[in-house]
Amino acid sequence: MRLLHIADLHIGKRVCEYSMLEDQRYVLRGLLDLLKREESVGRGIDALLVAGDLYDKAQPSAEAVQLMSEFLSGVASAGVPAVVIPGNHDSAERVSYAGDFLAQQNVYVSGAYRGNVEPVVLNDEFGPVSIWPIPFVRPADVRAVLPEAKIESYDDALRALVESLPVDPSRRNVAVTHQFVTATGSAVDRSDSEVSVGGLDNVDVDVFDAFDYVAVGHVHRPQRIGREAARYAGSLLKYSLSEADYDKSAVSVTMGAKGEEPGIELVPLKPLHDLRRIKGPLNELVSDRVVAAADSQDYLHVVLTDEHPVANAMARLREAYPNVMNIEYDNARTRAAGVAADAAAPDDNLDPFELFCDFYKSQNGEGLSELQRKVVTDELQSAGVM
């Protein structure tokens, strides 16, 4: 059996005030093409797993809902069952609207946790595979359903929830979940667009030891969690500058017989526009040579190294790169400002000339020239403070 695992679609997301809807439509169409292509070559995908954060907001825009509807309709038309759960960005009630009708189209959308998690059971030549959709939960959600369980943390909550499931260990079992899952002794690589509360929301991966594969959402970089068969799929697109160096992908999971390690393959996701960083002096960045080196339509974060602010820098950049998201400077002045933020307060015993020299250096990263020192001295003397 072959499963395709994706997560963190964040439909409706805006990055630096740029709408990602067309970029999301492009990558979702690529996924639908993949489902159809794999079927045509005899390597069909048997189920799509969507591990939460369908939308970027609990109350998504009409355009975002329409795009998600088009995507799930396309999945159903391709004849591929889909198991979908809400994430922490979603409203579980809105996501699961018309769930009974969708299930008739083999699109199984989990609602809010109310104590019952029903598996979606698929079959292949090795027998049944039970796919358990476990929506995003908070400790209070589980505590309300399992009042006798001792629940003080997210880990306690998920442990109690999983232990309450009638998982048959003789079958192959797959969990689809959306939590901050970690492995003892291993760091999780996160981006700055993900929400966490100081590590208090983490769930140890051993909670899911009963499952042959664990399809996880919430962290935006594709990565394993302690073992190969527990993975974050990552987000569909780069949703912050901290993700600029991440390669985006879906996870293809091939389930063999019970007891066999699933086969894992990362399927690259091609974006409409990449998100990347460029750095250098303005005149060099807008030169024909640099502009032609990559797709000028990409979303760009620009770091200018010019020593002094350049007039109309954004306008000049957007003539060459229409999708510049933001610019910042990295030069002696900004580096000195960073040092100055941590520096001790100035010495009150310094005379006005020394104070001005220190101030100038903190702002510009270099001291006064001989000519500048003379000008400052003359001005202070004429003002009668020296």
Protein backbone atom coordinates (compact mmCIF):
# COMPACT_ATOMS: atom_id res chain seq x y z
CA MET A 1 0.00 0.00 0.00
CA ARG A 2 1.28 3.44 -0.94
CA LEU A 3 0.37 6.55 1.06
CA LEU A 4 1.13 10.18 0.28
CA HIS A 5 1.62 12.36 3.37
CA ILE A 6 1.30 16.16 3.26
CA ALA A 7 0.64 18.76 5.95
CA ASP A 8 0.53 22.47 6.77
CA LEU A 9 -1.17 23.75 3.64
CA HIS A 10 -2.07 27.08 5.33
CA ILE A 11 -4.44 27.98 2.50
CA GLY A 12 -5.04 31.74 2.55
CA LYS A 13 -1.62 32.54 4.01
CA ARG A 14 -0.07 35.95 3.38
CA VAL A 15 3.71 36.42 3.55
CA CYS A 16 4.92 40.02 3.90
CA GLU A 17 1.46 41.07 2.69
CA TYR A 18 1.76 38.92 -0.45
CA SER A 19 -1.17 36.55 -0.96
CA MET A 20 -0.02 32.95 -1.46
CA LEU A 21 -3.31 31.75 -3.02
CA GLU A 22 -2.02 31.45 -6.60
CA ASP A 23 1.17 29.77 -5.38
CA GLN A 24 -0.92 27.35 -3.32
CA ARG A 25 -3.21 26.64 -6.28
CA TYR A 26 -0.14 25.84 -8.38
CA VAL A 27 1.39 23.36 -5.93
CA LEU A 28 -1.98 21.70 -5.22
CA ARG A 29 -2.52 21.18 -8.94
CA GLY A 30 0.93 19.63 -9.05
CA LEU A 31 -0.15 17.18 -6.34
CA LEU A 32 -3.29 16.27 -8.30
CA ASP A 33 -1.16 15.72 -11.40
CA LEU A 34 1.08 13.46 -9.32
CA LEU A 35 -1.89 11.36 -8.17
CA LYS A 36 -3.05 10.92 -11.77
CA ARG A 37 0.44 10.29 -13.15
CA GLU A 38 1.31 7.66 -10.56
CA GLU A 39 -1.94 5.84 -11.31
CA SER A 40 -1.23 5.92 -15.04
CA VAL A 41 2.16 4.22 -14.61
CA GLY A 42 0.84 1.53 -12.29
CA ARG A 43 2.34 2.90 -9.08
CA GLY A 44 -0.94 4.31 -7.82
CA ILE A 45 -1.24 6.09 -4.49
CA ASP A 46 -3.77 4.31 -2.28
CA ALA A 47 -4.51 7.16 0.13
CA LEU A 48 -3.67 10.81 0.75
CA LEU A 49 -2.94 11.82 4.36
CA VAL A 50 -3.37 15.52 5.20
CA ALA A 51 -1.94 16.14 8.68
CA GLY A 52 -3.58 19.39 9.66
CA ASP A 53 -3.47 23.17 9.17
CA LEU A 54 -5.55 23.14 6.03
CA TYR A 55 -6.10 26.87 6.48
CA ASP A 56 -4.02 29.66 7.94
CA LYS A 57 -6.91 31.01 10.03
CA ALA A 58 -9.79 29.53 11.96
CA GLN A 59 -12.11 31.67 9.82
CA PRO A 60 -10.63 31.34 6.32
CA SER A 61 -11.61 33.58 3.43
CA ALA A 62 -14.14 32.44 0.83
CA GLU A 63 -11.30 32.18 -1.70
CA ALA A 64 -9.32 29.88 0.61
CA VAL A 65 -12.34 27.62 1.20
CA GLN A 66 -13.01 27.47 -2.54
CA LEU A 67 -9.43 26.42 -3.28
CA MET A 68 -9.54 23.67 -0.65
CA SER A 69 -12.87 22.49 -2.05
CA GLU A 70 -11.36 22.31 -5.56
CA PHE A 71 -8.40 20.32 -4.27
CA LEU A 72 -10.42 17.75 -2.33
CA SER A 73 -12.83 17.40 -5.26
CA GLY A 74 -9.84 16.71 -7.49
CA VAL A 75 -8.53 14.07 -5.07
CA ALA A 76 -11.95 12.38 -5.03
CA SER A 77 -12.13 12.50 -8.83
CA ALA A 78 -8.73 10.81 -9.00
CA GLY A 79 -10.21 7.92 -7.02
CA VAL A 80 -7.80 8.35 -4.10
CA PRO A 81 -9.21 8.17 -0.55
CA ALA A 82 -8.15 11.11 1.62
CA VAL A 83 -7.79 11.18 5.40
CA VAL A 84 -7.82 14.78 6.63
CA ILE A 85 -7.46 16.22 10.14
CA PRO A 86 -7.66 19.79 11.49
CA GLY A 87 -4.57 21.44 12.94
CA ASN A 88 -4.09 24.17 15.51
CA HIS A 89 -4.72 26.89 12.91
CA ASP A 90 -8.05 25.35 11.88
CA SER A 91 -11.54 25.43 13.27
CA ALA A 92 -12.28 21.70 13.59
CA GLU A 93 -16.02 22.36 13.26
CA ARG A 94 -15.62 24.34 10.03
CA VAL A 95 -13.13 21.87 8.53
CA SER A 96 -15.43 18.90 9.19
CA TYR A 97 -18.56 20.57 7.80
CA ALA A 98 -20.45 18.12 5.57
CA GLY A 99 -18.13 15.35 6.77
CA ASP A 100 -20.71 12.58 6.29
CA PHE A 101 -21.28 13.61 2.70
CA LEU A 102 -17.55 13.87 2.02
CA ALA A 103 -17.03 10.37 3.44
CA GLN A 104 -19.31 9.06 0.69
CA GLN A 105 -16.71 10.43 -1.75
CA ASN A 106 -13.91 8.69 0.20
CA VAL A 107 -12.78 11.98 1.71
CA TYR A 108 -12.66 11.38 5.46
CA VAL A 109 -12.42 14.65 7.41
CA SER A 110 -12.00 14.40 11.15
CA GLY A 111 -13.87 16.84 13.40
CA ALA A 112 -13.01 18.00 16.90
CA TYR A 113 -12.00 15.31 19.38
CA ARG A 114 -15.03 14.11 21.33
CA GLY A 115 -13.64 10.83 22.61
CA ASN A 116 -14.15 8.69 19.54
CA VAL A 117 -11.51 8.31 16.84
CA GLU A 118 -12.73 6.01 14.08
CA PRO A 119 -10.05 4.50 11.84
CA VAL A 120 -10.30 4.50 8.07
CA VAL A 121 -9.57 0.91 7.05
CA LEU A 122 -8.02 0.16 3.65
CA ASN A 123 -6.90 -3.19 2.29
CA ASP A 124 -4.13 -4.55 0.09
CA GLU A 125 -2.55 -7.94 -0.55
CA PHE A 126 -1.17 -8.03 3.01
CA GLY A 127 -4.52 -7.34 4.65
CA PRO A 128 -6.03 -4.27 6.35
CA VAL A 129 -4.33 -0.99 7.22
CA SER A 130 -6.06 1.10 9.89
CA ILE A 131 -5.49 4.84 9.50
CA TRP A 132 -6.26 6.72 12.72
CA PRO A 133 -7.11 10.44 12.28
CA ILE A 134 -6.12 12.19 15.54
CA PRO A 135 -6.98 15.91 15.31
CA PHE A 136 -5.01 18.60 17.11
CA VAL A 137 -5.93 18.53 20.81
CA ARG A 138 -5.08 20.47 23.93
CA PRO A 139 -4.89 18.88 27.39
CA ALA A 140 -8.29 20.33 28.33
CA ASP A 141 -9.90 18.60 25.31
CA VAL A 142 -8.73 15.17 26.44
CA ARG A 143 -9.31 15.87 30.13
CA ALA A 144 -12.99 16.57 29.37
CA VAL A 145 -13.37 13.16 27.73
CA LEU A 146 -11.09 11.11 29.99
CA PRO A 147 -11.58 12.72 33.44
CA GLU A 148 -9.97 9.79 35.29
CA ALA A 149 -6.67 10.14 33.43
CA LYS A 150 -3.92 12.20 35.05
CA ILE A 151 -3.35 14.91 32.45
CA GLU A 152 -1.07 17.83 33.21
CA SER A 153 0.69 18.29 29.86
CA TYR A 154 0.31 17.78 26.12
CA ASP A 155 2.35 14.59 26.43
CA ASP A 156 -0.02 13.27 29.11
CA ALA A 157 -3.02 14.16 26.96
CA LEU A 158 -1.81 12.41 23.80
CA ARG A 159 -0.61 9.41 25.79
CA ALA A 160 -4.04 9.01 27.38
CA LEU A 161 -5.81 9.53 24.07
CA VAL A 162 -3.72 6.95 22.22
CA GLU A 163 -4.02 4.42 25.04
CA SER A 164 -7.81 4.75 24.82
CA LEU A 165 -7.85 3.72 21.13
CA PRO A 166 -8.67 0.10 20.30
CA VAL A 167 -5.51 -0.37 18.22
CA ASP A 168 -5.11 -3.96 17.01
CA PRO A 169 -1.36 -4.73 17.21
CA SER A 170 -1.69 -7.57 14.72
CA ARG A 171 -2.69 -5.09 12.00
CA ARG A 172 -0.71 -2.35 10.32
CA ASN A 173 -1.65 0.95 11.92
CA VAL A 174 -1.01 4.51 10.79
CA ALA A 175 -1.52 7.64 12.90
CA VAL A 176 -2.26 11.02 11.35
CA THR A 177 -1.67 13.74 13.94
CA HIS A 178 -0.91 17.43 14.29
CA GLN A 179 1.15 18.15 17.41
CA PHE A 180 4.65 19.28 18.32
CA VAL A 181 6.15 15.79 18.39
CA THR A 182 9.75 15.41 19.51
CA ALA A 183 12.20 12.59 20.16
CA THR A 184 14.32 12.47 23.30
CA GLY A 185 17.84 13.61 22.49
CA SER A 186 16.95 14.96 19.04
CA ALA A 187 16.28 18.61 18.21
CA VAL A 188 13.45 19.57 15.86
CA ASP A 189 14.33 22.15 13.21
CA ARG A 190 11.57 24.76 13.32
CA SER A 191 10.84 27.96 11.44
CA ASP A 192 9.76 31.28 12.94
CA SER A 193 6.25 30.91 11.47
CA GLU A 194 5.33 28.05 13.82
CA VAL A 195 3.62 28.59 17.15
CA SER A 196 4.96 27.06 20.34
CA VAL A 197 4.85 27.88 24.04
CA GLY A 198 8.39 27.41 25.24
CA GLY A 199 8.40 23.66 24.60
CA LEU A 200 5.43 23.06 26.92
CA ASP A 201 3.39 21.67 24.03
CA ASN A 202 5.79 18.91 23.02
CA VAL A 203 4.72 15.26 22.80
CA ASP A 204 7.33 12.50 22.84
CA VAL A 205 7.29 10.31 19.76
CA ASP A 206 7.18 7.16 21.89
CA VAL A 207 3.50 7.98 22.49
CA PHE A 208 2.97 6.60 18.98
CA ASP A 209 4.98 3.37 19.33
CA ALA A 210 1.89 1.31 18.49
CA PHE A 211 1.81 2.74 14.95
CA ASP A 212 3.76 1.47 11.96
CA TYR A 213 3.86 4.96 10.45
CA VAL A 214 3.19 8.33 12.09
CA ALA A 215 2.18 11.13 9.71
CA VAL A 216 2.77 14.38 11.59
CA GLY A 217 1.96 18.00 10.84
CA HIS A 218 2.86 21.26 12.61
CA VAL A 219 6.59 21.74 11.91
CA HIS A 220 7.33 23.24 8.50
CA ARG A 221 10.60 21.47 7.66
CA PRO A 222 10.36 17.86 6.39
CA GLN A 223 12.23 15.63 8.85
CA ARG A 224 12.19 12.36 10.73
CA ILE A 225 11.24 12.30 14.41
CA GLY A 226 13.50 9.81 16.15
CA ARG A 227 12.74 7.00 13.68
CA GLU A 228 12.31 6.87 9.91
CA ALA A 229 8.63 5.92 10.14
CA ALA A 230 7.64 9.00 12.18
CA ARG A 231 7.90 12.16 10.10
CA TYR A 232 6.89 15.75 9.63
CA ALA A 233 5.86 16.25 6.02
CA GLY A 234 6.59 19.98 6.27
CA SER A 235 4.59 22.80 4.72
CA LEU A 236 3.63 22.97 1.05
CA LEU A 237 5.48 26.26 0.51
CA LYS A 238 8.08 28.46 2.17
CA TYR A 239 6.03 30.64 4.50
CA SER A 240 8.81 32.67 6.14
CA LEU A 241 12.37 33.78 5.47
CA SER A 242 13.61 31.18 7.98
CA GLU A 243 12.36 28.52 5.54
CA ALA A 244 14.33 29.90 2.58
CA ASP A 245 16.83 27.03 2.68
CA TYR A 246 14.23 24.26 3.19
CA ASP A 247 13.41 21.90 0.33
CA LYS A 248 9.65 21.29 0.28
CA SER A 249 8.30 17.81 -0.37
CA ALA A 250 5.53 15.30 0.20
CA VAL A 251 6.28 11.93 1.82
CA SER A 252 5.59 8.78 -0.16
CA VAL A 253 5.15 5.85 2.26
CA THR A 254 5.09 2.26 1.01
CA MET A 255 3.59 -0.15 3.54
CA GLY A 256 4.70 -3.75 3.24
CA ALA A 257 3.66 -6.66 5.43
CA LYS A 258 3.23 -6.21 9.18
CA GLY A 259 6.65 -5.97 10.82
CA GLU A 260 8.40 -4.61 7.72
CA GLU A 261 9.82 -1.10 7.89
CA PRO A 262 7.83 1.22 5.57
CA GLY A 263 9.63 2.51 2.52
CA ILE A 264 10.09 6.30 2.64
CA GLU A 265 10.62 8.57 -0.36
CA LEU A 266 10.50 12.37 -0.43
CA VAL A 267 8.66 13.71 -3.47
CA PRO A 268 9.84 17.28 -4.29
CA LEU A 269 7.15 19.97 -4.53
CA LYS A 270 7.83 22.55 -7.24
CA PRO A 271 6.66 26.08 -6.33
CA LEU A 272 5.35 28.72 -8.70
CA HIS A 273 7.80 31.17 -7.14
CA ASP A 274 10.71 30.24 -4.90
CA LEU A 275 11.46 32.27 -1.77
CA ARG A 276 15.13 33.14 -1.43
CA ARG A 277 17.62 35.64 -0.07
CA ILE A 278 20.08 37.74 -2.07
CA LYS A 279 22.82 39.91 -0.58
CA GLY A 280 25.21 42.53 -1.91
CA PRO A 281 25.50 46.19 -2.96
CA LEU A 282 22.48 47.49 -4.86
CA ASN A 283 24.26 48.20 -8.15
CA GLU A 284 25.57 44.65 -8.26
CA LEU A 285 22.22 43.04 -7.38
CA VAL A 286 20.38 44.85 -10.20
CA SER A 287 23.08 44.09 -12.78
CA ASP A 288 22.07 41.94 -15.75
CA ARG A 289 24.50 39.20 -14.69
CA VAL A 290 23.01 38.75 -11.20
CA VAL A 291 19.38 39.16 -12.29
CA ALA A 292 19.80 36.48 -14.97
CA ALA A 293 21.41 34.00 -12.56
CA ALA A 294 18.03 32.86 -11.15
CA ASP A 295 14.30 33.42 -11.64
CA SER A 296 13.71 37.14 -11.21
CA GLN A 297 10.04 36.43 -10.37
CA ASP A 298 10.97 34.69 -7.10
CA TYR A 299 9.96 36.13 -3.74
CA LEU A 300 13.05 37.87 -2.42
CA HIS A 301 14.41 39.07 0.87
CA VAL A 302 17.18 41.50 -0.03
CA VAL A 303 20.14 42.34 2.19
CA LEU A 304 21.97 45.45 0.96
CA THR A 305 25.61 45.89 1.94
CA ASP A 306 25.94 49.51 0.78
CA GLU A 307 27.53 51.55 3.57
CA HIS A 308 24.92 54.31 3.25
CA PRO A 309 21.15 54.09 2.59
CA VAL A 310 20.36 54.19 -1.12
CA ALA A 311 17.61 56.48 -2.40
CA ASN A 312 14.68 54.61 -4.00
CA ALA A 313 16.29 51.25 -3.26
CA MET A 314 12.98 49.35 -3.24
CA ALA A 315 11.85 50.93 -6.53
CA ARG A 316 15.12 50.08 -8.24
CA LEU A 317 15.03 46.52 -6.94
CA ARG A 318 11.45 45.95 -8.07
CA GLU A 319 12.32 47.07 -11.60
CA ALA A 320 14.51 43.95 -11.75
CA TYR A 321 12.69 41.72 -9.24
CA PRO A 322 8.91 42.39 -9.12
CA ASN A 323 8.38 40.27 -6.00
CA VAL A 324 10.82 41.80 -3.53
CA MET A 325 9.21 41.25 -0.14
CA ASN A 326 11.51 43.36 2.03
CA ILE A 327 14.99 44.83 2.31
CA GLU A 328 17.44 45.39 5.13
CA TYR A 329 21.01 46.62 5.42
CA ASP A 330 24.09 44.76 6.60
CA ASN A 331 26.95 47.21 6.89
CA ALA A 332 29.21 48.80 9.44
CA ARG A 333 26.37 51.01 10.67
CA THR A 334 23.88 48.18 11.33
CA ARG A 335 26.55 45.93 12.84
CA ALA A 336 27.59 48.73 15.17
CA ALA A 337 23.96 49.31 16.14
CA GLY A 338 23.69 45.64 17.09
CA VAL A 339 26.75 45.94 19.29
CA ALA A 340 25.52 49.21 20.74
CA ALA A 341 22.25 47.60 21.85
CA ASP A 342 24.27 45.39 24.20
CA ALA A 343 26.84 47.99 25.17
CA ALA A 344 27.17 49.64 28.57
CA ALA A 345 25.88 53.19 29.12
CA PRO A 346 28.33 55.94 28.10
CA ASP A 347 30.77 57.27 30.69
CA ASP A 348 29.40 60.49 32.20
CA ASN A 349 32.97 61.72 32.73
CA LEU A 350 33.69 62.03 29.01
CA ASP A 351 33.90 65.55 27.58
CA PRO A 352 31.49 66.59 24.74
CA PHE A 353 34.04 65.88 22.02
CA GLU A 354 34.72 62.33 23.29
CA LEU A 355 30.98 61.70 23.68
CA PHE A 356 30.38 62.78 20.08
CA CYS A 357 33.23 60.57 18.85
CA ASP A 358 31.76 57.54 20.66
CA PHE A 359 28.27 58.29 19.33
CA TYR A 360 29.51 58.64 15.74
CA LYS A 361 31.40 55.35 15.93
CA SER A 362 28.39 53.52 17.42
CA GLN A 363 26.23 54.75 14.54
CA ASN A 364 28.68 54.24 11.68
CA GLY A 365 30.99 51.45 12.76
CA GLU A 366 34.10 53.59 12.27
CA GLY A 367 35.70 56.62 13.90
CA LEU A 368 35.90 60.21 12.68
CA SER A 369 38.43 61.13 10.02
CA GLU A 370 40.98 63.86 10.76
CA LEU A 371 38.94 66.37 8.77
CA GLN A 372 35.74 65.40 10.58
CA ARG A 373 37.46 65.68 13.95
CA LYS A 374 38.57 69.22 13.08
CA VAL A 375 35.06 70.22 11.99
CA VAL A 376 33.52 68.86 15.21
CA THR A 377 36.16 70.55 17.35
CA ASP A 378 35.56 73.90 15.62
CA GLU A 379 31.78 73.62 16.04
CA LEU A 380 31.98 72.69 19.71
CA GLN A 381 34.39 75.53 20.39
CA SER A 382 32.13 78.02 18.60
CA ALA A 383 29.21 76.77 20.71
CA GLY A 384 31.22 77.40 23.86
CA VAL A 385 31.11 73.80 25.13
CA MET A 386 34.78 73.09 24.61
